[in-house]
N, C-alpha and C. Protein backbone atom coordinates (compact mmCIF):
# COMPACT_ATOMS: atom_id res chain seq x y z
N UNK A 1 -9.95 1.43 11.97
CA UNK A 1 -10.15 -0.06 11.52
C UNK A 1 -9.97 -0.11 10.07
N UNK A 2 -9.32 -0.92 9.47
CA UNK A 2 -9.07 -1.26 7.82
C UNK A 2 -10.18 -2.17 7.61
N UNK A 3 -11.05 -1.80 6.63
CA UNK A 3 -12.01 -2.51 6.07
C UNK A 3 -11.47 -3.19 4.88
N UNK A 4 -12.36 -4.19 4.47
CA UNK A 4 -11.88 -4.79 3.02
C UNK A 4 -12.00 -3.91 1.99
N UNK A 5 -13.17 -2.93 2.10
CA UNK A 5 -13.19 -2.07 1.15
C UNK A 5 -11.81 -1.05 1.05
N UNK A 6 -11.36 -0.77 2.05
CA UNK A 6 -10.22 0.11 2.17
C UNK A 6 -9.06 -0.70 1.79
N UNK A 7 -8.90 -1.72 2.05
CA UNK A 7 -7.77 -2.68 1.37
C UNK A 7 -7.76 -2.90 -0.12
N UNK A 8 -9.08 -2.88 -0.40
CA UNK A 8 -9.28 -3.01 -2.04
C UNK A 8 -8.93 -1.59 -2.68
N UNK A 9 -9.44 -0.69 -1.98
CA UNK A 9 -9.14 0.82 -2.58
C UNK A 9 -7.66 0.95 -2.51
N UNK A 10 -6.98 0.55 -1.39
CA UNK A 10 -5.46 0.84 -1.37
C UNK A 10 -4.69 0.13 -2.63
N UNK A 11 -5.10 -0.92 -2.81
CA UNK A 11 -4.64 -1.81 -4.01
C UNK A 11 -4.69 -1.11 -5.22
N UNK A 12 -6.17 -0.71 -5.54
CA UNK A 12 -6.27 -0.04 -6.66
C UNK A 12 -5.24 1.19 -6.94
N UNK A 13 -5.38 2.05 -5.83
CA UNK A 13 -4.68 3.42 -5.71
C UNK A 13 -3.27 3.22 -6.10
N UNK A 14 -2.78 1.91 -5.46
CA UNK A 14 -1.26 1.62 -5.63
C UNK A 14 -1.01 1.37 -7.28
N UNK A 15 -1.90 0.70 -7.67
CA UNK A 15 -1.70 0.38 -9.14
C UNK A 15 -2.03 1.68 -9.99
N UNK A 16 -2.81 2.29 -9.89
CA UNK A 16 -3.19 3.60 -10.55
C UNK A 16 -1.99 4.62 -10.43
N UNK A 17 -1.42 4.88 -9.14
CA UNK A 17 -0.44 5.76 -9.04
C UNK A 17 0.93 5.31 -9.64
N UNK A 18 1.19 3.86 -9.81
CA UNK A 18 2.40 3.39 -10.34
C UNK A 18 2.10 3.59 -11.90
N UNK A 19 0.87 3.42 -12.46
CA UNK A 19 0.58 3.65 -13.89
C UNK A 19 0.89 5.27 -14.28
N UNK A 20 0.42 6.07 -13.27
CA UNK A 20 0.56 7.37 -13.38
C UNK A 20 1.96 7.75 -13.66
N UNK A 21 2.84 7.39 -12.65
CA UNK A 21 4.16 7.77 -12.59
C UNK A 21 4.92 7.32 -13.66
N UNK A 22 4.90 6.04 -14.16
CA UNK A 22 5.60 5.30 -15.04
C UNK A 22 5.13 5.35 -16.54
N UNK A 23 3.77 5.72 -16.65
CA UNK A 23 3.18 5.62 -18.01
C UNK A 23 2.40 6.93 -18.30
N UNK A 24 1.54 7.21 -17.52
CA UNK A 24 0.73 8.39 -18.00
C UNK A 24 1.30 9.77 -18.03
N UNK A 25 1.83 9.93 -16.69
CA UNK A 25 2.68 11.26 -16.84
C UNK A 25 3.67 11.54 -17.70
N UNK A 26 4.73 10.51 -17.97
CA UNK A 26 5.70 10.96 -18.77
C UNK A 26 5.14 10.93 -20.19
N UNK A 27 4.07 10.30 -20.45
CA UNK A 27 3.67 10.27 -21.92
C UNK A 27 2.96 11.62 -22.20
N UNK A 28 2.11 12.00 -21.13
CA UNK A 28 1.56 13.49 -21.16
C UNK A 28 2.48 14.45 -21.20
N UNK A 29 3.64 14.36 -20.51
CA UNK A 29 4.48 15.53 -20.55
C UNK A 29 5.24 15.60 -22.03
N UNK A 30 5.52 14.34 -22.58
CA UNK A 30 6.13 14.40 -24.01
C UNK A 30 5.14 14.99 -24.96
N UNK A 31 3.77 14.55 -24.62
CA UNK A 31 2.85 15.10 -25.51
C UNK A 31 2.78 16.61 -25.32
N UNK A 32 2.84 17.19 -24.15
CA UNK A 32 2.86 18.59 -23.80
C UNK A 32 3.87 19.39 -24.66
N UNK A 33 5.13 18.61 -24.62
CA UNK A 33 6.32 19.28 -25.28
C UNK A 33 5.99 19.17 -26.75
N UNK A 34 5.33 18.28 -27.29
CA UNK A 34 5.17 18.21 -28.61
C UNK A 34 4.18 19.48 -29.23
N UNK A 35 3.16 19.54 -28.50
CA UNK A 35 2.15 20.70 -28.92
C UNK A 35 2.82 21.92 -28.48
N UNK A 36 3.55 22.12 -27.54
CA UNK A 36 4.31 23.39 -27.27
C UNK A 36 5.49 23.60 -28.48
N UNK A 37 5.87 22.66 -29.02
CA UNK A 37 6.78 22.97 -30.27
C UNK A 37 5.95 22.98 -31.57
N UNK A 38 4.68 23.24 -31.48
CA UNK A 38 4.00 23.51 -32.68
C UNK A 38 3.23 22.46 -33.46
N UNK A 39 3.63 21.20 -32.84
CA UNK A 39 3.03 19.87 -33.63
C UNK A 39 1.64 19.66 -33.40
N UNK A 40 0.91 18.87 -34.09
CA UNK A 40 -0.50 18.56 -33.94
C UNK A 40 -0.50 17.28 -33.10
N UNK A 41 -1.64 16.90 -32.72
CA UNK A 41 -1.77 15.30 -32.13
C UNK A 41 -2.30 14.45 -33.30
N UNK A 42 -1.80 13.26 -33.20
CA UNK A 42 -2.14 12.24 -34.05
C UNK A 42 -3.34 11.43 -33.37
N UNK A 43 -3.67 10.33 -34.00
CA UNK A 43 -4.79 9.41 -33.71
C UNK A 43 -4.40 8.80 -32.26
N UNK A 44 -3.08 8.31 -32.27
CA UNK A 44 -2.67 7.42 -30.98
C UNK A 44 -2.67 8.60 -29.65
N UNK A 45 -2.27 9.87 -29.94
CA UNK A 45 -2.26 10.72 -28.96
C UNK A 45 -3.69 11.20 -28.61
N UNK A 46 -4.69 11.30 -29.49
CA UNK A 46 -6.05 11.54 -29.00
C UNK A 46 -6.64 10.20 -28.23
N UNK A 47 -6.24 9.18 -28.71
CA UNK A 47 -6.70 7.89 -27.94
C UNK A 47 -6.19 7.81 -26.71
N UNK A 48 -4.84 8.17 -26.37
CA UNK A 48 -4.48 8.25 -25.07
C UNK A 48 -5.11 9.43 -24.22
N UNK A 49 -5.44 10.35 -24.61
CA UNK A 49 -6.18 11.52 -23.71
C UNK A 49 -7.46 11.08 -23.63
N UNK A 50 -8.09 10.38 -24.57
CA UNK A 50 -9.52 9.92 -24.22
C UNK A 50 -9.47 8.97 -23.24
N UNK A 51 -8.56 7.96 -23.20
CA UNK A 51 -8.34 6.92 -22.17
C UNK A 51 -8.14 7.38 -20.91
N UNK A 52 -7.23 8.51 -20.77
CA UNK A 52 -6.84 8.96 -19.41
C UNK A 52 -8.24 9.52 -18.81
N UNK A 53 -8.88 10.34 -19.75
CA UNK A 53 -10.15 10.80 -19.03
C UNK A 53 -11.16 9.86 -18.77
N UNK A 54 -11.43 8.80 -19.69
CA UNK A 54 -12.25 7.66 -19.23
C UNK A 54 -11.91 6.99 -17.91
N UNK A 55 -10.70 6.95 -17.96
CA UNK A 55 -10.40 6.04 -16.59
C UNK A 55 -10.50 6.81 -15.29
N UNK A 56 -10.14 8.21 -15.34
CA UNK A 56 -10.58 9.06 -14.09
C UNK A 56 -11.81 9.14 -13.97
N UNK A 57 -12.58 9.22 -14.84
CA UNK A 57 -14.28 9.34 -14.68
C UNK A 57 -14.60 8.24 -14.23
N UNK A 58 -14.12 6.82 -14.62
CA UNK A 58 -14.70 5.64 -14.12
C UNK A 58 -14.03 5.41 -12.63
N UNK A 59 -13.43 6.24 -12.23
CA UNK A 59 -12.96 5.99 -10.73
C UNK A 59 -13.47 7.21 -9.97
N UNK A 60 -14.48 7.71 -10.30
CA UNK A 60 -14.97 8.78 -9.45
C UNK A 60 -15.39 8.27 -8.02
N UNK A 61 -16.02 7.14 -8.02
CA UNK A 61 -16.47 6.68 -6.69
C UNK A 61 -15.35 6.39 -5.65
N UNK A 62 -14.24 6.02 -6.37
CA UNK A 62 -13.06 5.71 -5.58
C UNK A 62 -12.33 7.07 -5.08
N UNK A 63 -12.40 8.02 -5.93
CA UNK A 63 -11.73 9.32 -5.76
C UNK A 63 -12.58 10.08 -4.65
N UNK A 64 -13.97 9.75 -4.54
CA UNK A 64 -14.85 10.36 -3.56
C UNK A 64 -14.59 9.92 -2.22
N UNK A 65 -14.13 8.39 -2.11
CA UNK A 65 -13.87 7.92 -1.06
C UNK A 65 -12.51 8.26 -0.45
N UNK A 66 -11.63 8.91 -1.31
CA UNK A 66 -10.18 9.23 -0.95
C UNK A 66 -10.01 10.48 -1.77
N UNK A 67 -10.51 11.57 -1.12
CA UNK A 67 -10.42 12.99 -1.55
C UNK A 67 -8.88 13.48 -1.66
N UNK A 68 -7.97 12.72 -1.03
CA UNK A 68 -6.44 13.08 -1.17
C UNK A 68 -6.23 12.89 -2.34
N UNK A 69 -6.61 11.66 -3.09
CA UNK A 69 -6.08 11.52 -4.38
C UNK A 69 -6.91 12.45 -5.43
N UNK A 70 -7.83 12.98 -5.19
CA UNK A 70 -8.49 13.85 -6.16
C UNK A 70 -7.62 14.89 -6.94
N UNK A 71 -6.56 15.44 -6.21
CA UNK A 71 -5.76 16.58 -6.75
C UNK A 71 -4.96 15.97 -7.82
N UNK A 72 -4.39 14.56 -7.74
CA UNK A 72 -3.71 14.04 -8.84
C UNK A 72 -4.58 13.85 -9.99
N UNK A 73 -5.63 13.41 -9.83
CA UNK A 73 -6.78 13.25 -10.97
C UNK A 73 -7.11 14.70 -11.60
N UNK A 74 -7.22 15.38 -11.09
CA UNK A 74 -7.60 16.81 -11.40
C UNK A 74 -6.49 17.52 -12.05
N UNK A 75 -5.28 17.49 -11.67
CA UNK A 75 -4.17 18.09 -12.19
C UNK A 75 -3.87 17.19 -13.59
N UNK A 76 -4.07 15.90 -13.75
CA UNK A 76 -3.82 15.07 -14.96
C UNK A 76 -5.04 15.66 -16.02
N UNK A 77 -6.21 15.67 -15.58
CA UNK A 77 -7.21 16.07 -16.54
C UNK A 77 -6.74 17.53 -17.04
N UNK A 78 -6.56 18.47 -16.10
CA UNK A 78 -6.12 19.83 -16.69
C UNK A 78 -5.08 19.67 -17.67
N UNK A 79 -4.00 18.77 -17.46
CA UNK A 79 -2.96 18.70 -18.30
C UNK A 79 -3.41 18.17 -19.70
N UNK A 80 -4.37 17.15 -19.58
CA UNK A 80 -4.90 16.66 -20.92
C UNK A 80 -5.62 17.80 -21.58
N UNK A 81 -6.52 18.58 -20.85
CA UNK A 81 -7.30 19.57 -21.56
C UNK A 81 -6.19 20.57 -22.16
N UNK A 82 -5.17 20.92 -21.42
CA UNK A 82 -4.09 21.80 -22.02
C UNK A 82 -3.53 21.39 -23.28
N UNK A 83 -3.35 19.90 -23.23
CA UNK A 83 -2.78 19.33 -24.35
C UNK A 83 -3.51 19.37 -25.40
N UNK A 84 -4.97 19.07 -25.22
CA UNK A 84 -5.95 19.08 -26.21
C UNK A 84 -6.03 20.52 -27.03
N UNK A 85 -6.13 21.54 -26.07
CA UNK A 85 -6.47 22.86 -26.41
C UNK A 85 -5.29 23.29 -27.36
N UNK A 86 -3.94 23.10 -26.98
CA UNK A 86 -2.95 23.74 -27.81
C UNK A 86 -2.86 22.69 -29.07
N UNK A 87 -3.00 21.35 -28.95
CA UNK A 87 -3.07 20.76 -30.27
C UNK A 87 -4.05 21.18 -31.25
N UNK A 88 -5.37 21.54 -30.76
CA UNK A 88 -6.19 22.08 -31.78
C UNK A 88 -5.84 23.46 -32.27
N UNK A 89 -5.15 24.32 -31.43
CA UNK A 89 -4.60 25.50 -31.76
C UNK A 89 -3.63 25.24 -33.00
N UNK A 90 -2.83 24.28 -32.91
CA UNK A 90 -1.61 24.14 -33.86
C UNK A 90 -2.30 23.58 -35.26
N UNK A 91 -3.44 23.11 -35.30
CA UNK A 91 -4.12 22.90 -36.46
C UNK A 91 -4.43 23.77 -37.19
N UNK A 92 -4.60 24.91 -36.75
CA UNK A 92 -5.17 26.21 -37.46
C UNK A 92 -4.16 26.64 -38.50
C-alpha cells in the first residue's frame, strides 16, 4: 500500500536524484579533477562541499526510510571528503 508519506518521499527522492545527476555529481567530478591536477579549492568550491554535506545530513530521516538511497549519499559524501582532503594537501 502506498501511503501519503511514501508519495511525498518519492517526490523528494526524484528531485534529489535529478539534482544529483545534473548538478551535484558533474560539479563534484570537475572539482575532483581540479584537485587531482594540483589546484586548490576556492571559497565557491568549499561552499559547494559544505552545502552537499548539509543537504545529505538534513535528509537522514528520508534515507533511513529508504536505505536503498543511502549508498548514493554515502558515495557522494566520500567523494566530497576525498576532494577536501586532496584540496588541503594541495595547499601545502
